[in-house]
Amino acid sequence: MAIRAGLDRQSVIRAAAEIADGEGLGNVTLAAVADRLGVRKPSLYNHINGLPELRRELAIWGTRQLTAVISEAAIGKARKDAILAIAVAYRSFAHQRPGLYRAIVSTPDRNCPGMKAAIESMMAVIKAVLEPYNLADSDRTHAVRGLRSLMHGFVSLEAAGWFASPVDREESYHQLIAAFICGVEALR
Protein backbone atom coordinates (compact mmCIF):
# COMPACT_ATOMS: atom_id res chain seq x y z
CA MET A 1 0.00 0.00 0.00
CA ALA A 2 1.21 3.47 -0.81
CA ILE A 3 1.16 6.04 1.97
CA ARG A 4 -1.75 8.34 1.43
CA ALA A 5 -0.92 12.00 1.07
CA GLY A 6 -2.41 14.18 3.77
CA LEU A 7 -2.46 11.52 6.46
CA ASP A 8 -2.42 13.26 9.82
CA ARG A 9 -3.76 12.83 13.34
CA GLN A 10 -7.10 14.43 12.45
CA SER A 11 -7.66 12.12 9.47
CA VAL A 12 -6.94 9.11 11.68
CA ILE A 13 -9.52 10.29 14.23
CA ARG A 14 -12.10 11.02 11.52
CA ALA A 15 -11.59 7.57 10.00
CA ALA A 16 -12.13 6.04 13.45
CA ALA A 17 -15.33 8.09 13.82
CA GLU A 18 -16.60 6.84 10.45
CA ILE A 19 -15.98 3.25 11.51
CA ALA A 20 -17.62 3.83 14.90
CA ASP A 21 -20.72 5.34 13.29
CA GLY A 22 -21.00 2.82 10.50
CA GLU A 23 -19.92 -0.40 12.15
CA GLY A 24 -19.99 0.26 15.89
CA LEU A 25 -17.42 1.52 18.37
CA GLY A 26 -16.25 -2.03 19.07
CA ASN A 27 -15.07 -2.30 15.48
CA VAL A 28 -12.68 0.62 15.81
CA THR A 29 -9.29 -1.05 15.66
CA LEU A 30 -5.96 0.18 14.35
CA ALA A 31 -6.17 -2.38 11.56
CA ALA A 32 -9.64 -1.16 10.55
CA VAL A 33 -8.53 2.49 10.60
CA ALA A 34 -5.42 1.69 8.57
CA ASP A 35 -7.53 -0.21 6.08
CA ARG A 36 -10.02 2.66 5.82
CA LEU A 37 -7.18 5.10 5.18
CA GLY A 38 -5.39 2.82 2.74
CA VAL A 39 -2.18 2.66 4.77
CA ARG A 40 -0.33 0.03 6.74
CA LYS A 41 -1.07 -0.18 10.43
CA PRO A 42 2.46 0.91 11.50
CA SER A 43 1.92 4.19 9.62
CA LEU A 44 -0.72 5.15 12.18
CA TYR A 45 1.89 5.23 14.93
CA ASN A 46 3.28 8.40 13.34
CA HIS A 47 0.03 10.06 14.41
CA ILE A 48 -1.39 8.09 17.33
CA ASN A 49 0.20 5.98 20.09
CA GLY A 50 -2.08 2.98 19.96
CA LEU A 51 -5.74 2.11 20.35
CA PRO A 52 -6.26 3.52 23.87
CA GLU A 53 -5.03 6.94 22.71
CA LEU A 54 -7.14 6.73 19.55
CA ARG A 55 -10.28 6.00 21.59
CA ARG A 56 -9.49 8.83 24.00
CA GLU A 57 -8.90 11.25 21.12
CA LEU A 58 -12.10 10.05 19.46
CA ALA A 59 -14.03 10.84 22.65
CA ILE A 60 -12.43 14.29 22.91
CA TRP A 61 -13.12 15.09 19.27
CA GLY A 62 -16.67 13.76 19.57
CA THR A 63 -17.34 15.85 22.67
CA ARG A 64 -16.13 18.93 20.82
CA GLN A 65 -18.39 18.08 17.88
CA LEU A 66 -21.39 17.63 20.19
CA THR A 67 -20.57 20.90 21.94
CA ALA A 68 -20.51 22.73 18.60
CA VAL A 69 -23.88 21.22 17.65
CA ILE A 70 -25.64 22.20 20.88
CA SER A 71 -23.98 25.63 20.89
CA GLU A 72 -25.23 26.35 17.41
CA ALA A 73 -28.71 25.15 18.34
CA ALA A 74 -28.87 27.60 21.26
CA ILE A 75 -27.85 30.68 19.28
CA GLY A 76 -30.57 33.31 19.28
CA LYS A 77 -32.75 31.43 21.73
CA ALA A 78 -33.40 31.91 25.43
CA ARG A 79 -34.91 30.09 28.34
CA LYS A 80 -37.24 27.22 27.41
CA ASP A 81 -36.61 27.66 23.67
CA ALA A 82 -32.86 27.32 24.23
CA ILE A 83 -33.24 24.29 26.50
CA LEU A 84 -35.50 22.57 23.99
CA ALA A 85 -33.15 23.47 21.12
CA ILE A 86 -30.09 21.95 22.77
CA ALA A 87 -32.08 18.89 23.85
CA VAL A 88 -33.28 18.29 20.29
CA ALA A 89 -29.78 18.90 18.89
CA TYR A 90 -28.25 16.53 21.46
CA ARG A 91 -30.65 13.74 20.54
CA SER A 92 -30.18 14.36 16.84
CA PHE A 93 -26.40 14.15 17.25
CA ALA A 94 -26.73 10.83 19.09
CA HIS A 95 -28.91 9.48 16.26
CA GLN A 96 -26.71 10.74 13.45
CA ARG A 97 -23.37 9.85 15.06
CA PRO A 98 -24.15 6.74 17.15
CA GLY A 99 -20.61 5.40 17.33
CA LEU A 100 -19.09 8.77 18.05
CA TYR A 101 -21.70 9.38 20.75
CA ARG A 102 -20.87 5.99 22.26
CA ALA A 103 -17.19 6.97 22.27
CA ILE A 104 -18.04 10.14 24.16
CA VAL A 105 -19.94 8.42 26.94
CA SER A 106 -17.71 5.39 27.27
CA THR A 107 -14.30 6.99 27.51
CA PRO A 108 -12.61 5.59 30.59
CA ASP A 109 -10.32 8.52 31.49
CA ARG A 110 -12.35 11.63 32.24
CA ASN A 111 -9.36 13.10 34.11
CA CYS A 112 -7.34 13.36 30.89
CA PRO A 113 -6.70 17.12 30.41
CA GLY A 114 -8.08 17.12 26.85
CA MET A 115 -11.23 15.23 27.82
CA LYS A 116 -11.69 17.34 30.92
CA ALA A 117 -11.49 20.54 28.85
CA ALA A 118 -13.91 19.20 26.24
CA ILE A 119 -16.43 18.20 28.92
CA GLU A 120 -16.08 21.58 30.66
CA SER A 121 -16.82 23.33 27.35
CA MET A 122 -19.95 21.25 26.83
CA MET A 123 -21.11 21.87 30.40
CA ALA A 124 -20.47 25.61 29.91
CA VAL A 125 -22.98 25.63 27.04
CA ILE A 126 -25.61 23.95 29.20
CA LYS A 127 -24.86 26.34 32.09
CA ALA A 128 -25.17 29.32 29.74
CA VAL A 129 -28.57 28.13 28.55
CA LEU A 130 -29.72 27.88 32.17
CA GLU A 131 -28.18 31.24 33.18
CA PRO A 132 -31.33 33.34 32.48
CA TYR A 133 -33.11 31.44 35.24
CA ASN A 134 -30.77 33.00 37.83
CA LEU A 135 -30.53 29.79 39.82
CA ALA A 136 -28.43 29.52 42.96
CA ASP A 137 -25.10 27.83 42.25
CA SER A 138 -26.14 24.48 43.72
CA ASP A 139 -29.51 24.54 41.93
CA ARG A 140 -27.76 25.34 38.64
CA THR A 141 -25.40 22.40 39.16
CA HIS A 142 -28.38 20.14 39.85
CA ALA A 143 -30.16 21.48 36.75
CA VAL A 144 -27.10 20.93 34.52
CA ARG A 145 -26.73 17.38 35.81
CA GLY A 146 -30.45 16.78 35.45
CA LEU A 147 -30.69 18.01 31.87
CA ARG A 148 -27.60 16.06 30.81
CA SER A 149 -28.97 12.95 32.50
CA LEU A 150 -32.37 13.31 30.83
CA MET A 151 -30.86 13.76 27.39
CA HIS A 152 -28.34 10.94 27.76
CA GLY A 153 -30.74 8.57 29.45
CA PHE A 154 -33.39 8.99 26.79
CA VAL A 155 -31.05 8.57 23.82
CA SER A 156 -29.31 5.61 25.46
CA LEU A 157 -32.56 3.78 26.15
CA GLU A 158 -33.78 4.65 22.67
CA ALA A 159 -30.58 3.32 21.07
CA ALA A 160 -30.93 0.10 23.05
CA GLY A 161 -34.43 -0.41 21.64
CA TRP A 162 -36.33 0.08 24.88
CA PHE A 163 -39.07 2.31 23.46
CA ALA A 164 -41.03 -0.24 21.44
CA SER A 165 -44.48 1.11 22.29
CA PRO A 166 -46.32 2.68 19.36
CA VAL A 167 -46.55 5.94 21.32
CA ASP A 168 -44.50 8.63 19.54
CA ARG A 169 -40.95 8.78 20.97
CA GLU A 170 -40.53 12.34 19.72
CA GLU A 171 -43.51 13.43 21.79
CA SER A 172 -42.20 11.51 24.81
CA TYR A 173 -38.88 13.33 24.54
CA HIS A 174 -40.53 16.73 24.18
CA GLN A 175 -42.75 16.05 27.20
CA LEU A 176 -39.73 14.97 29.24
CA ILE A 177 -37.87 18.19 28.39
CA ALA A 178 -41.02 20.26 29.02
CA ALA A 179 -41.33 18.69 32.49
CA PHE A 180 -37.67 19.54 33.15
CA ILE A 181 -38.29 23.15 32.07
CA CYS A 182 -41.28 23.37 34.44
CA GLY A 183 -39.06 22.16 37.25
CA VAL A 184 -36.34 24.70 36.48
CA GLU A 185 -38.90 27.49 36.28
CA ALA A 186 -40.25 26.44 39.69
CA LEU A 187 -36.77 26.86 41.20
CA ARG A 188 -36.54 30.55 40.26
C-alpha atoms as a PDB file:
ATOM      1  CA  MET A   1       0.000   0.000   0.000  1.00  0.00           C
ATOM      2  CA  ALA A   2       1.209   3.473  -0.810  1.00  0.00           C
ATOM      3  CA  ILE A   3       1.163   6.041   1.966  1.00  0.00           C
ATOM      4  CA  ARG A   4      -1.751   8.337   1.433  1.00  0.00           C
ATOM      5  CA  ALA A   5      -0.923  12.000   1.068  1.00  0.00           C
ATOM      6  CA  GLY A   6      -2.414  14.179   3.770  1.00  0.00           C
ATOM      7  CA  LEU A   7      -2.461  11.519   6.457  1.00  0.00           C
ATOM      8  CA  ASP A   8      -2.422  13.255   9.817  1.00  0.00           C
ATOM      9  CA  ARG A   9      -3.757  12.828  13.340  1.00  0.00           C
ATOM     10  CA  GLN A  10      -7.099  14.426  12.451  1.00  0.00           C
ATOM     11  CA  SER A  11      -7.665  12.122   9.469  1.00  0.00           C
ATOM     12  CA  VAL A  12      -6.944   9.110  11.682  1.00  0.00           C
ATOM     13  CA  ILE A  13      -9.522  10.291  14.232  1.00  0.00           C
ATOM     14  CA  ARG A  14     -12.096  11.021  11.519  1.00  0.00           C
ATOM     15  CA  ALA A  15     -11.595   7.572  10.005  1.00  0.00           C
ATOM     16  CA  ALA A  16     -12.125   6.037  13.454  1.00  0.00           C
ATOM     17  CA  ALA A  17     -15.332   8.087  13.824  1.00  0.00           C
ATOM     18  CA  GLU A  18     -16.603   6.838  10.450  1.00  0.00           C
ATOM     19  CA  ILE A  19     -15.981   3.254  11.510  1.00  0.00           C
ATOM     20  CA  ALA A  20     -17.624   3.829  14.895  1.00  0.00           C
ATOM     21  CA  ASP A  21     -20.717   5.343  13.291  1.00  0.00           C
ATOM     22  CA  GLY A  22     -20.997   2.817  10.497  1.00  0.00           C
ATOM     23  CA  GLU A  23     -19.919  -0.404  12.149  1.00  0.00           C
ATOM     24  CA  GLY A  24     -19.992   0.260  15.885  1.00  0.00           C
ATOM     25  CA  LEU A  25     -17.421   1.515  18.372  1.00  0.00           C
ATOM     26  CA  GLY A  26     -16.247  -2.031  19.070  1.00  0.00           C
ATOM     27  CA  ASN A  27     -15.068  -2.305  15.483  1.00  0.00           C
ATOM     28  CA  VAL A  28     -12.681   0.620  15.806  1.00  0.00           C
ATOM     29  CA  THR A  29      -9.286  -1.054  15.658  1.00  0.00           C
ATOM     30  CA  LEU A  30      -5.963   0.177  14.352  1.00  0.00           C
ATOM     31  CA  ALA A  31      -6.167  -2.376  11.557  1.00  0.00           C
ATOM     32  CA  ALA A  32      -9.643  -1.162  10.551  1.00  0.00           C
ATOM     33  CA  VAL A  33      -8.529   2.493  10.602  1.00  0.00           C
ATOM     34  CA  ALA A  34      -5.417   1.690   8.571  1.00  0.00           C
ATOM     35  CA  ASP A  35      -7.535  -0.213   6.081  1.00  0.00           C
ATOM     36  CA  ARG A  36     -10.021   2.660   5.816  1.00  0.00           C
ATOM     37  CA  LEU A  37      -7.182   5.105   5.176  1.00  0.00           C
ATOM     38  CA  GLY A  38      -5.388   2.816   2.740  1.00  0.00           C
ATOM     39  CA  VAL A  39      -2.178   2.656   4.774  1.00  0.00           C
ATOM     40  CA  ARG A  40      -0.325   0.034   6.738  1.00  0.00           C
ATOM     41  CA  LYS A  41      -1.074  -0.182  10.429  1.00  0.00           C
ATOM     42  CA  PRO A  42       2.462   0.910  11.505  1.00  0.00           C
ATOM     43  CA  SER A  43       1.916   4.190   9.621  1.00  0.00           C
ATOM     44  CA  LEU A  44      -0.725   5.148  12.175  1.00  0.00           C
ATOM     45  CA  TYR A  45       1.889   5.230  14.926  1.00  0.00           C
ATOM     46  CA  ASN A  46       3.282   8.399  13.336  1.00  0.00           C
ATOM     47  CA  HIS A  47       0.030  10.063  14.410  1.00  0.00           C
ATOM     48  CA  ILE A  48      -1.387   8.087  17.329  1.00  0.00           C
ATOM     49  CA  ASN A  49       0.200   5.980  20.088  1.00  0.00           C
ATOM     50  CA  GLY A  50      -2.078   2.976  19.958  1.00  0.00           C
ATOM     51  CA  LEU A  51      -5.739   2.110  20.345  1.00  0.00           C
ATOM     52  CA  PRO A  52      -6.257   3.525  23.875  1.00  0.00           C
ATOM     53  CA  GLU A  53      -5.029   6.935  22.711  1.00  0.00           C
ATOM     54  CA  LEU A  54      -7.141   6.728  19.551  1.00  0.00           C
ATOM     55  CA  ARG A  55     -10.276   5.995  21.586  1.00  0.00           C
ATOM     56  CA  ARG A  56      -9.489   8.826  24.001  1.00  0.00           C
ATOM     57  CA  GLU A  57      -8.900  11.251  21.121  1.00  0.00           C
ATOM     58  CA  LEU A  58     -12.097  10.051  19.458  1.00  0.00           C
ATOM     59  CA  ALA A  59     -14.030  10.838  22.648  1.00  0.00           C
ATOM     60  CA  ILE A  60     -12.434  14.290  22.912  1.00  0.00           C
ATOM     61  CA  TRP A  61     -13.120  15.095  19.266  1.00  0.00           C
ATOM     62  CA  GLY A  62     -16.667  13.763  19.570  1.00  0.00           C
ATOM     63  CA  THR A  63     -17.339  15.850  22.670  1.00  0.00           C
ATOM     64  CA  ARG A  64     -16.134  18.934  20.818  1.00  0.00           C
ATOM     65  CA  GLN A  65     -18.394  18.077  17.877  1.00  0.00           C
ATOM     66  CA  LEU A  66     -21.386  17.634  20.188  1.00  0.00           C
ATOM     67  CA  THR A  67     -20.568  20.901  21.939  1.00  0.00           C
ATOM     68  CA  ALA A  68     -20.510  22.731  18.597  1.00  0.00           C
ATOM     69  CA  VAL A  69     -23.881  21.224  17.654  1.00  0.00           C
ATOM     70  CA  ILE A  70     -25.635  22.204  20.880  1.00  0.00           C
ATOM     71  CA  SER A  71     -23.975  25.633  20.893  1.00  0.00           C
ATOM     72  CA  GLU A  72     -25.233  26.347  17.405  1.00  0.00           C
ATOM     73  CA  ALA A  73     -28.710  25.147  18.344  1.00  0.00           C
ATOM     74  CA  ALA A  74     -28.872  27.596  21.261  1.00  0.00           C
ATOM     75  CA  ILE A  75     -27.847  30.683  19.277  1.00  0.00           C
ATOM     76  CA  GLY A  76     -30.571  33.305  19.279  1.00  0.00           C
ATOM     77  CA  LYS A  77     -32.750  31.428  21.734  1.00  0.00           C
ATOM     78  CA  ALA A  78     -33.399  31.905  25.425  1.00  0.00           C
ATOM     79  CA  ARG A  79     -34.910  30.088  28.341  1.00  0.00           C
ATOM     80  CA  LYS A  80     -37.241  27.222  27.408  1.00  0.00           C
ATOM     81  CA  ASP A  81     -36.605  27.657  23.674  1.00  0.00           C
ATOM     82  CA  ALA A  82     -32.859  27.323  24.226  1.00  0.00           C
ATOM     83  CA  ILE A  83     -33.242  24.294  26.496  1.00  0.00           C
ATOM     84  CA  LEU A  84     -35.501  22.565  23.990  1.00  0.00           C
ATOM     85  CA  ALA A  85     -33.153  23.471  21.121  1.00  0.00           C
ATOM     86  CA  ILE A  86     -30.092  21.946  22.767  1.00  0.00           C
ATOM     87  CA  ALA A  87     -32.078  18.885  23.853  1.00  0.00           C
ATOM     88  CA  VAL A  88     -33.278  18.288  20.288  1.00  0.00           C
ATOM     89  CA  ALA A  89     -29.776  18.900  18.892  1.00  0.00           C
ATOM     90  CA  TYR A  90     -28.246  16.527  21.459  1.00  0.00           C
ATOM     91  CA  ARG A  91     -30.650  13.738  20.542  1.00  0.00           C
ATOM     92  CA  SER A  92     -30.182  14.363  16.837  1.00  0.00           C
ATOM     93  CA  PHE A  93     -26.400  14.147  17.246  1.00  0.00           C
ATOM     94  CA  ALA A  94     -26.730  10.832  19.092  1.00  0.00           C
ATOM     95  CA  HIS A  95     -28.910   9.485  16.265  1.00  0.00           C
ATOM     96  CA  GLN A  96     -26.707  10.745  13.446  1.00  0.00           C
ATOM     97  CA  ARG A  97     -23.373   9.845  15.055  1.00  0.00           C
ATOM     98  CA  PRO A  98     -24.150   6.737  17.153  1.00  0.00           C
ATOM     99  CA  GLY A  99     -20.608   5.397  17.326  1.00  0.00           C
ATOM    100  CA  LEU A 100     -19.095   8.773  18.054  1.00  0.00           C
ATOM    101  CA  TYR A 101     -21.701   9.379  20.753  1.00  0.00           C
ATOM    102  CA  ARG A 102     -20.873   5.994  22.264  1.00  0.00           C
ATOM    103  CA  ALA A 103     -17.185   6.968  22.268  1.00  0.00           C
ATOM    104  CA  ILE A 104     -18.040  10.144  24.160  1.00  0.00           C
ATOM    105  CA  VAL A 105     -19.944   8.422  26.941  1.00  0.00           C
ATOM    106  CA  SER A 106     -17.713   5.386  27.270  1.00  0.00           C
ATOM    107  CA  THR A 107     -14.301   6.990  27.507  1.00  0.00           C
ATOM    108  CA  PRO A 108     -12.606   5.591  30.592  1.00  0.00           C
ATOM    109  CA  ASP A 109     -10.315   8.524  31.492  1.00  0.00           C
ATOM    110  CA  ARG A 110     -12.352  11.625  32.238  1.00  0.00           C
ATOM    111  CA  ASN A 111      -9.356  13.102  34.106  1.00  0.00           C
ATOM    112  CA  CYS A 112      -7.337  13.358  30.886  1.00  0.00           C
ATOM    113  CA  PRO A 113      -6.704  17.115  30.409  1.00  0.00           C
ATOM    114  CA  GLY A 114      -8.085  17.124  26.849  1.00  0.00           C
ATOM    115  CA  MET A 115     -11.233  15.232  27.817  1.00  0.00           C
ATOM    116  CA  LYS A 116     -11.694  17.335  30.917  1.00  0.00           C
ATOM    117  CA  ALA A 117     -11.485  20.541  28.851  1.00  0.00           C
ATOM    118  CA  ALA A 118     -13.909  19.197  26.241  1.00  0.00           C
ATOM    119  CA  ILE A 119     -16.429  18.201  28.923  1.00  0.00           C
ATOM    120  CA  GLU A 120     -16.081  21.579  30.660  1.00  0.00           C
ATOM    121  CA  SER A 121     -16.822  23.326  27.347  1.00  0.00           C
ATOM    122  CA  MET A 122     -19.953  21.255  26.829  1.00  0.00           C
ATOM    123  CA  MET A 123     -21.112  21.875  30.395  1.00  0.00           C
ATOM    124  CA  ALA A 124     -20.466  25.610  29.906  1.00  0.00           C
ATOM    125  CA  VAL A 125     -22.981  25.632  27.043  1.00  0.00           C
ATOM    126  CA  ILE A 126     -25.609  23.950  29.203  1.00  0.00           C
ATOM    127  CA  LYS A 127     -24.860  26.340  32.085  1.00  0.00           C
ATOM    128  CA  ALA A 128     -25.168  29.318  29.742  1.00  0.00           C
ATOM    129  CA  VAL A 129     -28.572  28.129  28.547  1.00  0.00           C
ATOM    130  CA  LEU A 130     -29.720  27.882  32.169  1.00  0.00           C
ATOM    131  CA  GLU A 131     -28.180  31.235  33.180  1.00  0.00           C
ATOM    132  CA  PRO A 132     -31.331  33.344  32.477  1.00  0.00           C
ATOM    133  CA  TYR A 133     -33.105  31.438  35.240  1.00  0.00           C
ATOM    134  CA  ASN A 134     -30.772  32.999  37.832  1.00  0.00           C
ATOM    135  CA  LEU A 135     -30.533  29.793  39.825  1.00  0.00           C
ATOM    136  CA  ALA A 136     -28.431  29.522  42.955  1.00  0.00           C
ATOM    137  CA  ASP A 137     -25.096  27.825  42.246  1.00  0.00           C
ATOM    138  CA  SER A 138     -26.136  24.482  43.722  1.00  0.00           C
ATOM    139  CA  ASP A 139     -29.508  24.544  41.926  1.00  0.00           C
ATOM    140  CA  ARG A 140     -27.761  25.343  38.638  1.00  0.00           C
ATOM    141  CA  THR A 141     -25.400  22.403  39.159  1.00  0.00           C
ATOM    142  CA  HIS A 142     -28.383  20.139  39.851  1.00  0.00           C
ATOM    143  CA  ALA A 143     -30.155  21.476  36.749  1.00  0.00           C
ATOM    144  CA  VAL A 144     -27.104  20.930  34.517  1.00  0.00           C
ATOM    145  CA  ARG A 145     -26.727  17.383  35.806  1.00  0.00           C
ATOM    146  CA  GLY A 146     -30.449  16.777  35.449  1.00  0.00           C
ATOM    147  CA  LEU A 147     -30.692  18.010  31.868  1.00  0.00           C
ATOM    148  CA  ARG A 148     -27.598  16.061  30.807  1.00  0.00           C
ATOM    149  CA  SER A 149     -28.973  12.950  32.504  1.00  0.00           C
ATOM    150  CA  LEU A 150     -32.369  13.307  30.831  1.00  0.00           C
ATOM    151  CA  MET A 151     -30.860  13.759  27.386  1.00  0.00           C
ATOM    152  CA  HIS A 152     -28.335  10.943  27.762  1.00  0.00           C
ATOM    153  CA  GLY A 153     -30.743   8.572  29.454  1.00  0.00           C
ATOM    154  CA  PHE A 154     -33.388   8.987  26.794  1.00  0.00           C
ATOM    155  CA  VAL A 155     -31.052   8.573  23.821  1.00  0.00           C
ATOM    156  CA  SER A 156     -29.307   5.606  25.464  1.00  0.00           C
ATOM    157  CA  LEU A 157     -32.565   3.779  26.146  1.00  0.00           C
ATOM    158  CA  GLU A 158     -33.780   4.650  22.674  1.00  0.00           C
ATOM    159  CA  ALA A 159     -30.583   3.323  21.070  1.00  0.00           C
ATOM    160  CA  ALA A 160     -30.931   0.105  23.051  1.00  0.00           C
ATOM    161  CA  GLY A 161     -34.433  -0.408  21.642  1.00  0.00           C
ATOM    162  CA  TRP A 162     -36.326   0.082  24.884  1.00  0.00           C
ATOM    163  CA  PHE A 163     -39.073   2.305  23.461  1.00  0.00           C
ATOM    164  CA  ALA A 164     -41.031  -0.240  21.438  1.00  0.00           C
ATOM    165  CA  SER A 165     -44.483   1.109  22.295  1.00  0.00           C
ATOM    166  CA  PRO A 166     -46.322   2.680  19.361  1.00  0.00           C
ATOM    167  CA  VAL A 167     -46.546   5.944  21.319  1.00  0.00           C
ATOM    168  CA  ASP A 168     -44.501   8.630  19.543  1.00  0.00           C
ATOM    169  CA  ARG A 169     -40.953   8.784  20.969  1.00  0.00           C
ATOM    170  CA  GLU A 170     -40.528  12.340  19.717  1.00  0.00           C
ATOM    171  CA  GLU A 171     -43.506  13.431  21.793  1.00  0.00           C
ATOM    172  CA  SER A 172     -42.203  11.507  24.806  1.00  0.00           C
ATOM    173  CA  TYR A 173     -38.879  13.332  24.539  1.00  0.00           C
ATOM    174  CA  HIS A 174     -40.534  16.735  24.184  1.00  0.00           C
ATOM    175  CA  GLN A 175     -42.747  16.052  27.202  1.00  0.00           C
ATOM    176  CA  LEU A 176     -39.732  14.966  29.237  1.00  0.00           C
ATOM    177  CA  ILE A 177     -37.869  18.187  28.385  1.00  0.00           C
ATOM    178  CA  ALA A 178     -41.020  20.257  29.020  1.00  0.00           C
ATOM    179  CA  ALA A 179     -41.329  18.692  32.486  1.00  0.00           C
ATOM    180  CA  PHE A 180     -37.671  19.538  33.151  1.00  0.00           C
ATOM    181  CA  ILE A 181     -38.293  23.146  32.072  1.00  0.00           C
ATOM    182  CA  CYS A 182     -41.281  23.375  34.444  1.00  0.00           C
ATOM    183  CA  GLY A 183     -39.063  22.157  37.250  1.00  0.00           C
ATOM    184  CA  VAL A 184     -36.342  24.701  36.483  1.00  0.00           C
ATOM    185  CA  GLU A 185     -38.899  27.490  36.277  1.00  0.00           C
ATOM    186  CA  ALA A 186     -40.254  26.436  39.689  1.00  0.00           C
ATOM    187  CA  LEU A 187     -36.768  26.859  41.196  1.00  0.00           C
ATOM    188  CA  ARG A 188     -36.537  30.546  40.262  1.00  0.00           C
END
